[in-house]
C-alpha cells in the first residue's frame, strides 16, 4: 500500500509540477479546453470526439513538441475532448432528433419525444447527469481494477466467446426496434451486407467493389454514418417542410424547454444509472466491442426490467438514462485494455495510444502495472517504473476532466439548450454544410462525399419504409468486428467449422440469442404486429 501511495504521489506531481519543482497548471488548463471543445464538437451533428481528436493531435504536438513534459498537456486535451464529446452528443439528439455522435443515436428514441412534449431541459439535464455519473463509475473501476479486469477478460473470453457476444448483441436489435422485429432484422442484415464492400480480411483482394478501385479499402466509416444518420434526417425534414408549405400548414411551434430536473428525480435515476454503467464498463473492457453494443444492451435491459416497457420510445427518462450512462461508461473502461494490454478499444483510445507513442519514451502494455521499488539516489534520477507514474498521471487528468464535466460541462449544456429556439430553416443548411464538410475532410475528398450521399438515400428509404435506422447502423458497425473475430477463431481452431459450439460460454450466448429471437417474433405475432 505504501508503494502504491508513492506512485500515486509521483503521478500527481508529474501533472502539477515541472521537473524543477515549480507549479505547472498547463495540463489542467488543457483539460478544461478539451472538455469545452469536446462538448461543442459533440453537439454539432456530423462531428465526433475522434474527429476532433484526429485534428487536435497534430496541432497539439506542433505546439508542445515531442518532449516528456509535453505528454500531459497533450493527453489532458485529448481526454477532455473524449469525455466532453460523449456528453455533448446528447444535445442535438434530444433537441433535433439528430445525434451529434453515433454513440448518442439511441438517446433520440426517448430524448427527442421528451423535447417534443416540452421537457427538453429535463432531458438534457438527465443526459448530462447520467453521462457524467456513468463516466465516473467506469473511471473508478479503471483506477481500482484495471490489471485484474484486463487479465480476467483476456483469460475467460477468447475469440469464440467474443464472436458469440457480437452475435448476441445483434440479436438485441429486434428487441430495441420493438413492434416490427422482422423489419429490424432485415435492416441489420442489410447493414452487415453493405459493410462487406472493400478488401477481405483473408487478403484475397477487394470484393463487391463493382470495379471501382477507390472502394478497395472499404467504405469510409465516418461518411457512411453521417449519411445514414444525419443527412437522411435532413432529407426527411426538407420533405416535411415542403409538404407543410404545400398544404399551407402553419409552421410547427418550437417546444418549450420546460422545467428543470429535480434532485428527487436524480435520486430515482441512480439504480438505472448504476445498471447502465455496469453494462458499459463490462462491454468497454472488451477491446473493439464499443459503445454501440453497450448502449443497445443497456437500453434493452432497462426496457425489460421496467414496469412500463411500453413507455420506452415515447419519451421516458429511463431510456435516456440507460443509453447515456452506458455509452459514457465505455469511455473509461476502454482504457482498461489500452493500459494493461496496449490494445485500443475504440477510435478515441487509438489517439491516446498515438499521443503516448509519439511523445516521450512511454508505452502502454503489461509493464505499466509493475510496482517496482522506488530507489532514491543522491545526485541521480529516482529509479522507478516511469510508465506506472505516467499511468497515475493519466488517472489524475481523468479525475480533473470529470470535475470539469460536472461544473463547466453542466453549465455549457444548459446554455446549449437554447438551440431549440433556432428555426429549423436556419439549422438545416448549417447541419448540411457541416456534415458534408466533415465527410469531405475526414474521408478522402469526393469518395467521402459520394458515400455520405449514397447512405443518405439509404437512410431516407429506410425511414420512409418505417424501418428503424438503428439495426442498420449496428449491423454496419459490428459486422467487420464479427468477421475478424470469426476468422481469427476459425484459424485458431485449426479450421474446425464447429468452433463456436466447442466453447460452453459461446454456446450459452448463442442459445440466448436464439431464445430472444424466438420470443420477440412470437410476441410480435401475438400482437399482430409482425410485418
Protein backbone atom coordinates (compact mmCIF):
# COMPACT_ATOMS: atom_id res chain seq x y z
CA UNK A 1 0.00 0.00 0.00
CA UNK A 2 2.85 2.37 0.81
CA UNK A 3 4.39 1.71 -2.59
CA UNK A 4 1.04 2.33 -4.28
CA UNK A 5 0.64 5.67 -2.50
CA UNK A 6 4.16 6.64 -3.51
CA UNK A 7 3.42 6.01 -7.17
CA UNK A 8 0.11 7.91 -6.90
CA UNK A 9 2.01 10.85 -5.42
CA UNK A 10 4.64 10.78 -8.17
CA UNK A 11 1.85 10.60 -10.78
CA UNK A 12 0.08 13.66 -9.38
CA UNK A 13 3.34 15.57 -9.02
CA UNK A 14 4.20 14.88 -12.65
CA UNK A 15 0.93 16.56 -13.70
CA UNK A 16 1.04 19.65 -11.47
CA UNK A 17 4.81 20.26 -11.12
CA UNK A 18 7.69 20.58 -13.54
CA UNK A 19 10.96 18.68 -13.22
CA UNK A 20 12.39 21.71 -11.41
CA UNK A 21 9.58 21.58 -8.82
CA UNK A 22 7.64 24.70 -9.87
CA UNK A 23 3.84 24.71 -10.08
CA UNK A 24 2.56 23.87 -13.55
CA UNK A 25 -1.14 24.37 -14.40
CA UNK A 26 -0.89 23.84 -18.16
CA UNK A 27 -2.30 20.25 -18.03
CA UNK A 28 -5.32 21.46 -16.04
CA UNK A 29 -5.85 24.32 -18.49
CA UNK A 30 -5.68 21.91 -21.45
CA UNK A 31 -8.19 19.58 -19.78
CA UNK A 32 -10.66 22.48 -19.47
CA UNK A 33 -10.05 23.48 -23.09
CA UNK A 34 -10.52 19.88 -24.21
CA UNK A 35 -13.83 19.41 -22.35
CA UNK A 36 -15.26 22.65 -23.76
CA UNK A 37 -14.15 21.77 -27.31
CA UNK A 38 -15.48 18.23 -26.86
CA UNK A 39 -18.94 19.39 -25.78
CA UNK A 40 -19.13 21.90 -28.64
CA UNK A 41 -17.96 19.33 -31.20
CA UNK A 42 -20.24 16.63 -29.82
CA UNK A 43 -23.21 18.98 -30.02
CA UNK A 44 -22.61 19.63 -33.72
CA UNK A 45 -24.33 16.99 -35.87
CA UNK A 46 -21.85 15.16 -38.02
CA UNK A 47 -18.88 15.81 -35.76
CA UNK A 48 -17.49 13.44 -33.15
CA UNK A 49 -14.86 13.12 -30.46
CA UNK A 50 -12.45 11.01 -32.56
CA UNK A 51 -12.83 13.51 -35.41
CA UNK A 52 -11.84 16.36 -33.10
CA UNK A 53 -9.03 14.30 -31.57
CA UNK A 54 -7.65 13.49 -35.01
CA UNK A 55 -7.45 17.20 -35.83
CA UNK A 56 -6.21 18.23 -32.37
CA UNK A 57 -3.34 15.73 -32.00
CA UNK A 58 -1.00 17.11 -34.72
CA UNK A 59 -1.82 20.68 -33.67
CA UNK A 60 -1.03 19.93 -30.01
CA UNK A 61 2.23 18.19 -30.90
CA UNK A 62 3.29 21.14 -33.05
CA UNK A 63 2.60 23.47 -30.10
CA UNK A 64 4.14 21.46 -27.24
CA UNK A 65 6.76 19.40 -29.11
CA UNK A 66 7.93 15.83 -28.55
CA UNK A 67 9.38 16.10 -25.04
CA UNK A 68 8.22 14.14 -21.99
CA UNK A 69 6.92 17.37 -20.45
CA UNK A 70 4.53 17.78 -23.40
CA UNK A 71 2.82 14.45 -22.73
CA UNK A 72 0.40 15.54 -20.01
CA UNK A 73 -0.87 18.75 -21.70
CA UNK A 74 -1.49 16.82 -24.90
CA UNK A 75 -3.13 13.90 -23.12
CA UNK A 76 -5.16 16.29 -20.97
CA UNK A 77 -6.67 17.97 -24.03
CA UNK A 78 -7.39 14.64 -25.75
CA UNK A 79 -9.03 13.19 -22.65
CA UNK A 80 -11.12 16.33 -22.25
CA UNK A 81 -12.28 16.11 -25.86
CA UNK A 82 -13.12 12.43 -25.47
CA UNK A 83 -15.22 12.97 -22.36
CA UNK A 84 -16.81 16.24 -23.49
CA UNK A 85 -17.88 14.90 -26.88
CA UNK A 86 -19.64 11.94 -25.28
CA UNK A 87 -21.68 14.32 -23.12
CA UNK A 88 -22.31 16.93 -25.82
CA UNK A 89 -23.58 14.42 -28.39
CA UNK A 90 -26.85 14.14 -26.49
CA UNK A 91 -27.85 17.78 -27.15
CA UNK A 92 -28.78 17.58 -30.87
CA UNK A 93 -30.09 14.04 -30.34
CA UNK A 94 -32.62 15.40 -27.85
CA UNK A 95 -33.47 18.73 -29.47
CA UNK A 96 -33.40 17.86 -33.18
CA UNK A 97 -33.59 14.05 -33.35
CA UNK A 98 -30.13 14.26 -34.93
CA UNK A 99 -27.38 12.67 -32.81
CA UNK A 100 -24.20 14.69 -32.63
CA UNK A 101 -22.26 11.42 -32.46
CA UNK A 102 -23.22 7.82 -33.41
CA UNK A 103 -22.98 6.95 -29.70
CA UNK A 104 -25.97 9.17 -28.96
CA UNK A 105 -28.27 7.60 -31.54
CA UNK A 106 -30.32 5.61 -29.02
CA UNK A 107 -30.75 8.79 -26.98
CA UNK A 108 -33.01 10.05 -29.75
CA UNK A 109 -35.53 7.28 -29.05
CA UNK A 110 -36.68 8.92 -25.81
CA UNK A 111 -34.82 12.23 -25.65
CA UNK A 112 -36.46 13.73 -28.73
CA UNK A 113 -40.02 12.75 -27.67
CA UNK A 114 -39.31 14.37 -24.29
CA UNK A 115 -38.30 17.60 -26.05
CA UNK A 116 -41.44 17.45 -28.19
CA UNK A 117 -43.51 17.21 -25.01
CA UNK A 118 -41.90 20.34 -23.59
CA UNK A 119 -39.32 18.56 -21.42
CA UNK A 120 -36.18 19.46 -23.37
CA UNK A 121 -34.36 20.97 -20.40
CA UNK A 122 -35.13 17.95 -18.23
CA UNK A 123 -33.96 15.58 -20.99
CA UNK A 124 -30.65 17.43 -21.42
CA UNK A 125 -30.02 17.54 -17.67
CA UNK A 126 -30.92 13.84 -17.42
CA UNK A 127 -28.44 13.02 -20.18
CA UNK A 128 -25.73 15.13 -18.50
CA UNK A 129 -26.30 13.62 -15.05
CA UNK A 130 -26.41 10.01 -16.30
CA UNK A 131 -23.45 10.52 -18.62
CA UNK A 132 -21.12 12.03 -16.02
CA UNK A 133 -22.18 9.52 -13.36
CA UNK A 134 -21.55 6.61 -15.73
CA UNK A 135 -18.20 8.08 -16.73
CA UNK A 136 -17.16 8.48 -13.08
CA UNK A 137 -18.17 4.91 -12.31
CA UNK A 138 -16.10 3.46 -15.15
CA UNK A 139 -13.13 5.62 -14.22
CA UNK A 140 -13.33 4.33 -10.66
CA UNK A 141 -13.31 0.76 -11.94
CA UNK A 142 -10.35 1.63 -14.17
CA UNK A 143 -8.39 3.10 -11.26
CA UNK A 144 -9.02 0.19 -8.91
CA UNK A 145 -9.21 -2.91 -11.04
CA UNK A 146 -7.58 -2.25 -14.42
CA UNK A 147 -5.00 -5.07 -14.16
CA UNK A 148 -7.43 -7.63 -12.73
CA UNK A 149 -10.24 -6.93 -15.19
CA UNK A 150 -7.95 -6.93 -18.21
CA UNK A 151 -6.32 -10.23 -17.26
CA UNK A 152 -9.66 -11.86 -16.34
CA UNK A 153 -11.34 -10.79 -19.58
CA UNK A 154 -8.42 -11.99 -21.67
CA UNK A 155 -8.43 -15.39 -19.94
CA UNK A 156 -12.17 -16.02 -19.80
CA UNK A 157 -13.30 -14.63 -23.18
CA UNK A 158 -11.40 -15.89 -26.17
CA UNK A 159 -12.16 -15.36 -29.83
CA UNK A 160 -15.18 -17.74 -29.93
CA UNK A 161 -16.74 -16.10 -26.88
CA UNK A 162 -16.26 -12.60 -28.28
CA UNK A 163 -17.78 -13.73 -31.59
CA UNK A 164 -20.81 -15.11 -29.76
CA UNK A 165 -21.12 -11.86 -27.80
CA UNK A 166 -21.31 -9.86 -31.04
CA UNK A 167 -24.00 -12.22 -32.35
CA UNK A 168 -25.91 -11.79 -29.09
CA UNK A 169 -25.75 -8.00 -29.35
CA UNK A 170 -27.01 -8.15 -32.94
CA UNK A 171 -29.97 -10.23 -31.80
CA UNK A 172 -30.89 -7.50 -29.33
CA UNK A 173 -31.58 -5.21 -32.29
CA UNK A 174 -35.05 -6.64 -32.74
CA UNK A 175 -35.84 -6.00 -29.09
CA UNK A 176 -34.89 -2.35 -29.45
CA UNK A 177 -36.93 -1.97 -32.62
CA UNK A 178 -39.99 -3.17 -30.72
CA UNK A 179 -43.11 -3.73 -32.80
CA UNK A 180 -41.50 -4.84 -36.09
CA UNK A 181 -38.74 -7.35 -35.35
CA UNK A 182 -38.58 -8.76 -38.87
CA UNK A 183 -38.06 -5.30 -40.33
CA UNK A 184 -35.39 -4.65 -37.74
CA UNK A 185 -33.53 -7.86 -38.53
CA UNK A 186 -33.72 -7.20 -42.27
CA UNK A 187 -32.33 -3.71 -41.70
CA UNK A 188 -29.50 -5.13 -39.61
CA UNK A 189 -28.65 -7.75 -42.25
CA UNK A 190 -28.65 -5.03 -44.91
CA UNK A 191 -26.14 -3.03 -42.86
CA UNK A 192 -23.94 -6.11 -42.42
CA UNK A 193 -24.05 -6.84 -46.15
CA UNK A 194 -23.09 -3.29 -47.17
CA UNK A 195 -20.18 -3.33 -44.69
CA UNK A 196 -18.66 -6.23 -46.69
CA UNK A 197 -17.72 -3.83 -49.50
CA UNK A 198 -13.96 -3.48 -49.71
CA UNK A 199 -10.93 -5.65 -49.08
CA UNK A 200 -11.34 -9.04 -47.47
CA UNK A 201 -9.57 -9.89 -44.25
CA UNK A 202 -8.20 -13.04 -45.85
CA UNK A 203 -6.09 -10.91 -48.20
CA UNK A 204 -7.68 -12.25 -51.42
CA UNK A 205 -8.32 -8.81 -52.85
CA UNK A 206 -11.31 -6.47 -52.99
CA UNK A 207 -14.91 -7.66 -53.00
CA UNK A 208 -18.22 -6.10 -54.06
CA UNK A 209 -16.44 -3.02 -55.43
CA UNK A 210 -18.02 -3.28 -58.94
CA UNK A 211 -14.67 -2.38 -60.46
CA UNK A 212 -14.28 0.87 -58.51
CA UNK A 213 -10.69 0.82 -57.19
CA UNK A 214 -11.39 3.56 -54.61
CA UNK A 215 -13.68 1.14 -52.76
CA UNK A 216 -10.87 -1.40 -52.31
CA UNK A 217 -10.16 -0.14 -48.79
CA UNK A 218 -13.83 -0.27 -47.83
CA UNK A 219 -16.47 2.38 -47.37
CA UNK A 220 -15.45 5.45 -45.32
CA UNK A 221 -16.95 4.87 -41.90
CA UNK A 222 -17.46 8.49 -40.87
CA UNK A 223 -19.14 9.43 -44.15
CA UNK A 224 -21.40 6.38 -44.05
CA UNK A 225 -22.58 7.16 -40.53
CA UNK A 226 -23.04 10.82 -41.39
CA UNK A 227 -25.16 9.91 -44.39
CA UNK A 228 -27.47 7.38 -42.80
CA UNK A 229 -27.93 9.21 -39.50
CA UNK A 230 -27.70 12.91 -40.27
CA UNK A 231 -28.21 13.55 -43.98
CA UNK A 232 -31.19 11.19 -44.22
CA UNK A 233 -32.83 13.12 -41.39
CA UNK A 234 -32.13 16.34 -43.29
CA UNK A 235 -33.84 14.91 -46.39
CA UNK A 236 -36.88 13.89 -44.35
CA UNK A 237 -37.01 17.32 -42.70
CA UNK A 238 -36.81 19.09 -46.07
CA UNK A 239 -39.61 16.95 -47.46
CA UNK A 240 -41.77 17.54 -44.40
CA UNK A 241 -41.22 21.29 -44.64
CA UNK A 242 -42.12 21.21 -48.34
CA UNK A 243 -45.32 19.25 -47.69
CA UNK A 244 -46.29 21.65 -44.92
CA UNK A 245 -45.88 24.64 -47.20
CA UNK A 246 -47.86 22.99 -50.00
CA UNK A 247 -50.69 22.41 -47.54
CA UNK A 248 -50.36 25.97 -46.26
CA UNK A 249 -49.95 24.49 -42.81
CA UNK A 250 -48.70 26.84 -40.09
CA UNK A 251 -45.05 26.30 -39.12
CA UNK A 252 -44.67 23.98 -36.13
CA UNK A 253 -44.14 25.70 -32.84
CA UNK A 254 -40.83 25.06 -31.16
CA UNK A 255 -41.41 23.11 -27.96
CA UNK A 256 -40.75 24.81 -24.69
CA UNK A 257 -37.71 23.69 -22.72
CA UNK A 258 -39.84 23.04 -19.67
CA UNK A 259 -38.87 22.58 -16.02
CA UNK A 260 -35.51 21.61 -14.59
CA UNK A 261 -34.55 18.19 -13.32
CA UNK A 262 -35.13 17.98 -9.56
CA UNK A 263 -32.82 16.28 -7.10
CA UNK A 264 -35.53 13.81 -6.13
CA UNK A 265 -35.73 12.76 -9.78
CA UNK A 266 -31.96 12.42 -9.89
CA UNK A 267 -32.04 10.08 -6.88
CA UNK A 268 -34.66 7.85 -8.50
CA UNK A 269 -32.39 7.55 -11.55
CA UNK A 270 -29.43 6.13 -9.60
CA UNK A 271 -30.39 2.42 -9.93
CA UNK A 272 -30.79 2.82 -13.71
CA UNK A 273 -27.50 4.73 -13.92
CA UNK A 274 -25.70 2.02 -11.94
CA UNK A 275 -27.15 -0.69 -14.17
CA UNK A 276 -26.18 1.13 -17.36
CA UNK A 277 -22.73 1.99 -16.01
CA UNK A 278 -22.06 -1.65 -15.13
CA UNK A 279 -23.05 -2.79 -18.62
CA UNK A 280 -20.98 -0.06 -20.25
CA UNK A 281 -17.96 -0.83 -18.09
CA UNK A 282 -18.16 -4.56 -18.81
CA UNK A 283 -18.51 -4.01 -22.56
CA UNK A 284 -15.87 -1.29 -22.60
CA UNK A 285 -13.33 -3.67 -21.09
CA UNK A 286 -13.61 -5.81 -24.23
CA UNK A 287 -11.37 -4.42 -26.99
CA UNK A 288 -13.24 -3.44 -30.13
CA UNK A 289 -16.81 -4.03 -28.91
CA UNK A 290 -17.59 -0.34 -28.38
CA UNK A 291 -20.37 1.96 -27.25
CA UNK A 292 -22.97 0.76 -29.75
CA UNK A 293 -23.21 -2.66 -28.16
CA UNK A 294 -23.18 -1.20 -24.65
CA UNK A 295 -25.98 1.28 -25.38
CA UNK A 296 -28.05 -1.40 -27.12
CA UNK A 297 -27.71 -3.93 -24.30
CA UNK A 298 -28.35 -1.30 -21.63
CA UNK A 299 -31.45 0.08 -23.36
CA UNK A 300 -32.89 -3.38 -23.92
CA UNK A 301 -32.14 -4.44 -20.34
CA UNK A 302 -33.75 -1.29 -18.94
CA UNK A 303 -36.82 -1.84 -21.11
CA UNK A 304 -37.18 -5.43 -19.95
CA UNK A 305 -36.75 -4.53 -16.28
CA UNK A 306 -39.14 -1.59 -16.45
CA UNK A 307 -42.68 -1.81 -15.05
CA UNK A 308 -43.84 0.27 -18.04
CA UNK A 309 -41.90 -1.06 -21.05
CA UNK A 310 -44.46 0.44 -23.41
CA UNK A 311 -43.24 3.92 -22.39
CA UNK A 312 -39.83 3.32 -23.98
CA UNK A 313 -39.51 5.08 -27.30
CA UNK A 314 -42.23 7.55 -26.36
CA UNK A 315 -40.30 9.89 -24.08
CA UNK A 316 -39.33 8.23 -20.81
CA UNK A 317 -36.27 9.49 -18.90
CA UNK A 318 -35.32 5.87 -18.16
CA UNK A 319 -34.41 5.39 -21.82
CA UNK A 320 -32.13 8.43 -21.79
CA UNK A 321 -30.54 7.25 -18.54
CA UNK A 322 -29.87 3.75 -19.89
CA UNK A 323 -28.14 4.88 -23.07
CA UNK A 324 -26.16 7.84 -21.71
CA UNK A 325 -24.89 6.04 -18.60
CA UNK A 326 -23.72 3.05 -20.64
CA UNK A 327 -22.07 4.79 -23.59
CA UNK A 328 -20.24 7.19 -21.25
CA UNK A 329 -19.08 4.30 -19.05
CA UNK A 330 -17.41 2.78 -22.09
CA UNK A 331 -15.03 5.76 -22.35
CA UNK A 332 -13.17 5.00 -19.14
CA UNK A 333 -13.44 1.23 -19.41
CA UNK A 334 -11.96 1.28 -22.92
CA UNK A 335 -8.67 2.35 -21.38
CA UNK A 336 -8.52 -0.90 -19.39
CA UNK A 337 -7.27 -2.98 -22.35
CA UNK A 338 -5.27 0.02 -23.57
CA UNK A 339 -3.28 0.47 -20.38
CA UNK A 340 -2.99 -3.20 -19.45
CA UNK A 341 -2.54 -4.80 -22.87
CA UNK A 342 -1.81 -1.94 -25.26
CA UNK A 343 -4.92 -2.80 -27.29
CA UNK A 344 -7.25 0.08 -28.25
CA UNK A 345 -10.91 -0.46 -27.52
CA UNK A 346 -12.28 2.33 -29.74
CA UNK A 347 -11.21 5.20 -32.00
CA UNK A 348 -10.66 7.56 -29.08
CA UNK A 349 -8.30 5.07 -27.43
CA UNK A 350 -6.31 4.89 -30.67
CA UNK A 351 -5.45 8.58 -30.41
CA UNK A 352 -4.48 8.18 -26.75
CA UNK A 353 -2.01 5.47 -27.79
CA UNK A 354 -0.72 7.58 -30.68
CA UNK A 355 -0.10 10.50 -28.34
CA UNK A 356 1.79 8.34 -25.83
CA UNK A 357 3.88 6.65 -28.50
CA UNK A 358 4.60 9.91 -30.37
CA UNK A 359 5.69 11.91 -27.33
CA UNK A 360 8.42 10.85 -24.94
CA UNK A 361 9.56 7.29 -24.27
CA UNK A 362 6.42 5.79 -22.69
CA UNK A 363 4.41 2.80 -23.85
CA UNK A 364 1.23 1.03 -22.76
CA UNK A 365 1.27 -2.67 -22.01
CA UNK A 366 1.62 -5.24 -19.21
CA UNK A 367 4.72 -3.48 -17.88
CA UNK A 368 2.63 -0.47 -16.85
CA UNK A 369 1.34 -2.08 -13.65
CA UNK A 370 4.62 -3.48 -12.37
CA UNK A 371 5.12 -1.90 -8.95
CA UNK A 372 8.91 -1.89 -8.91
CA UNK A 373 10.56 -0.45 -5.78
CA UNK A 374 11.37 3.26 -5.82
CA UNK A 375 15.04 4.00 -5.18
CA UNK A 376 16.30 7.46 -4.30
CA UNK A 377 19.95 8.00 -5.30
CA UNK A 378 21.51 11.39 -4.37
CA UNK A 379 22.75 13.18 -7.43
CA UNK A 380 20.94 10.86 -9.82
CA UNK A 381 17.41 10.43 -11.09
CA UNK A 382 14.95 8.46 -8.98
CA UNK A 383 14.71 4.87 -10.19
CA UNK A 384 11.06 3.81 -10.65
CA UNK A 385 8.61 2.47 -13.20
CA UNK A 386 8.03 5.65 -15.18
CA UNK A 387 5.26 4.02 -17.20
CA UNK A 388 3.34 3.49 -13.96
CA UNK A 389 3.93 7.12 -12.99
CA UNK A 390 2.54 8.14 -16.37
CA UNK A 391 -0.48 5.88 -15.77
CA UNK A 392 -1.32 7.55 -12.45
CA UNK A 393 -0.79 10.94 -14.07
CA UNK A 394 -3.34 9.91 -16.68
CA UNK A 395 -5.74 8.87 -13.90
CA UNK A 396 -5.29 12.29 -12.31
CA UNK A 397 -6.23 14.09 -15.52
CA UNK A 398 -9.30 11.89 -15.95
CA UNK A 399 -10.47 12.94 -12.49
CA UNK A 400 -9.85 16.57 -13.44
CA UNK A 401 -11.85 16.11 -16.66
CA UNK A 402 -14.74 14.59 -14.69
CA UNK A 403 -14.75 17.58 -12.33
CA UNK A 404 -14.82 19.98 -15.28
CA UNK A 405 -17.66 17.96 -16.81
CA UNK A 406 -19.63 18.23 -13.56
CA UNK A 407 -19.22 22.01 -13.33
CA UNK A 408 -18.46 23.80 -16.59
CA UNK A 409 -19.96 20.94 -18.60
CA UNK A 410 -23.28 21.23 -16.83
CA UNK A 411 -23.46 24.98 -17.35
CA UNK A 412 -22.44 24.70 -21.00
CA UNK A 413 -25.04 22.00 -21.64
CA UNK A 414 -27.68 24.26 -20.12
CA UNK A 415 -26.71 27.16 -22.38
CA UNK A 416 -26.81 24.93 -25.43
CA UNK A 417 -30.41 24.11 -24.59
CA UNK A 418 -31.33 27.43 -26.21
CA UNK A 419 -30.50 25.86 -29.57
CA UNK A 420 -34.08 24.60 -29.60
CA UNK A 421 -35.30 28.12 -30.37
CA UNK A 422 -33.30 28.35 -33.61
CA UNK A 423 -35.68 27.92 -36.59
CA UNK A 424 -35.31 24.68 -38.49
CA UNK A 425 -34.98 26.62 -41.76
CA UNK A 426 -31.70 28.02 -40.46
CA UNK A 427 -30.39 24.85 -38.81
CA UNK A 428 -30.82 22.52 -41.80
CA UNK A 429 -28.36 24.38 -44.08
CA UNK A 430 -25.83 24.57 -41.23
CA UNK A 431 -26.17 20.86 -40.46
CA UNK A 432 -25.92 20.02 -44.15
CA UNK A 433 -22.81 22.16 -44.66
CA UNK A 434 -21.02 20.86 -41.57
CA UNK A 435 -21.86 17.23 -42.36
CA UNK A 436 -20.72 17.39 -45.99
CA UNK A 437 -17.55 19.25 -44.97
CA UNK A 438 -16.78 16.62 -42.34
CA UNK A 439 -17.34 13.84 -44.90
CA UNK A 440 -15.05 15.57 -47.43
CA UNK A 441 -12.24 16.36 -44.96
CA UNK A 442 -12.32 13.18 -42.91
CA UNK A 443 -12.74 10.52 -45.57
CA UNK A 444 -10.72 11.26 -48.64
CA UNK A 445 -12.44 14.04 -50.52
CA UNK A 446 -15.04 13.13 -53.11
CA UNK A 447 -15.23 9.47 -52.03
CA UNK A 448 -16.42 10.64 -48.63
CA UNK A 449 -18.99 12.97 -50.19
CA UNK A 450 -20.36 10.30 -52.52
CA UNK A 451 -20.52 7.76 -49.70
CA UNK A 452 -22.38 10.19 -47.47
CA UNK A 453 -24.89 10.97 -50.23
CA UNK A 454 -25.42 7.26 -51.03
CA UNK A 455 -26.01 6.41 -47.39
CA UNK A 456 -28.32 9.42 -47.06
CA UNK A 457 -30.55 7.86 -49.73
CA UNK A 458 -30.43 4.50 -47.95
CA UNK A 459 -31.36 6.10 -44.66
CA UNK A 460 -34.13 8.11 -46.31
CA UNK A 461 -35.60 4.95 -47.87
CA UNK A 462 -35.45 3.08 -44.55
CA UNK A 463 -37.19 5.91 -42.72
CA UNK A 464 -39.95 6.19 -45.32
CA UNK A 465 -40.46 2.41 -45.23
CA UNK A 466 -40.85 2.70 -41.45
CA UNK A 467 -37.73 0.61 -40.84
CA UNK A 468 -35.64 1.68 -37.88
CA UNK A 469 -32.20 3.03 -38.72
CA UNK A 470 -30.74 1.55 -35.53
CA UNK A 471 -30.39 -2.11 -36.65
CA UNK A 472 -28.83 -0.96 -39.92
CA UNK A 473 -26.25 1.14 -38.10
CA UNK A 474 -25.45 -1.59 -35.55
CA UNK A 475 -25.10 -4.21 -38.29
CA UNK A 476 -22.86 -1.93 -40.36
CA UNK A 477 -20.59 -1.10 -37.41
CA UNK A 478 -20.30 -4.56 -35.87
CA UNK A 479 -20.04 -6.73 -38.99
CA UNK A 480 -16.28 -6.09 -39.57
CA UNK A 481 -15.55 -6.83 -35.92
CA UNK A 482 -17.60 -10.02 -36.10
CA UNK A 483 -15.85 -11.11 -39.29
CA UNK A 484 -12.42 -10.54 -37.78
CA UNK A 485 -13.29 -12.47 -34.62
CA UNK A 486 -14.85 -15.36 -36.54
CA UNK A 487 -11.90 -15.61 -38.92
CA UNK A 488 -9.45 -15.50 -36.04
CA UNK A 489 -11.33 -18.13 -34.05
CA UNK A 490 -11.69 -20.37 -37.12
CA UNK A 491 -7.97 -20.17 -37.84
CA UNK A 492 -7.03 -20.73 -34.19
CA UNK A 493 -9.24 -23.82 -34.03
CA UNK A 494 -7.40 -25.41 -36.95
CA UNK A 495 -10.27 -24.92 -39.38
CA UNK A 496 -12.93 -26.51 -37.19
CA UNK A 497 -16.34 -25.32 -38.51
CA UNK A 498 -17.95 -26.04 -35.13
CA UNK A 499 -15.58 -23.85 -33.11
CA UNK A 500 -18.43 -21.79 -31.66
CA UNK A 501 -20.13 -24.91 -30.31
CA UNK A 502 -16.95 -26.12 -28.58
CA UNK A 503 -16.99 -23.27 -26.03
CA UNK A 504 -19.58 -23.53 -23.22
CA UNK A 505 -19.75 -19.74 -22.79
CA UNK A 506 -20.20 -19.18 -26.53
CA UNK A 507 -22.80 -21.94 -26.65
CA UNK A 508 -24.81 -20.26 -23.88
CA UNK A 509 -24.67 -16.90 -25.68
CA UNK A 510 -25.85 -18.49 -28.93
CA UNK A 511 -28.70 -20.23 -27.12
CA UNK A 512 -29.78 -16.94 -25.54
CA UNK A 513 -29.66 -15.31 -28.97
CA UNK A 514 -31.96 -17.93 -30.45
CA UNK A 515 -34.31 -17.71 -27.49
CA UNK A 516 -34.53 -13.92 -27.78
CA UNK A 517 -35.30 -14.08 -31.50
CA UNK A 518 -37.96 -16.73 -30.99
CA UNK A 519 -39.55 -14.84 -28.11
CA UNK A 520 -39.63 -11.48 -29.86
CA UNK A 521 -41.10 -12.91 -33.06
CA UNK A 522 -43.74 -14.83 -31.10
CA UNK A 523 -44.72 -11.74 -29.11
CA UNK A 524 -44.99 -9.66 -32.27
CA UNK A 525 -47.13 -12.36 -33.91
CA UNK A 526 -49.44 -12.47 -30.89
CA UNK A 527 -49.88 -8.69 -31.08
CA UNK A 528 -50.44 -8.82 -34.81
CA UNK A 529 -47.51 -6.51 -35.45
CA UNK A 530 -45.23 -8.97 -37.26
CA UNK A 531 -44.65 -7.23 -40.54
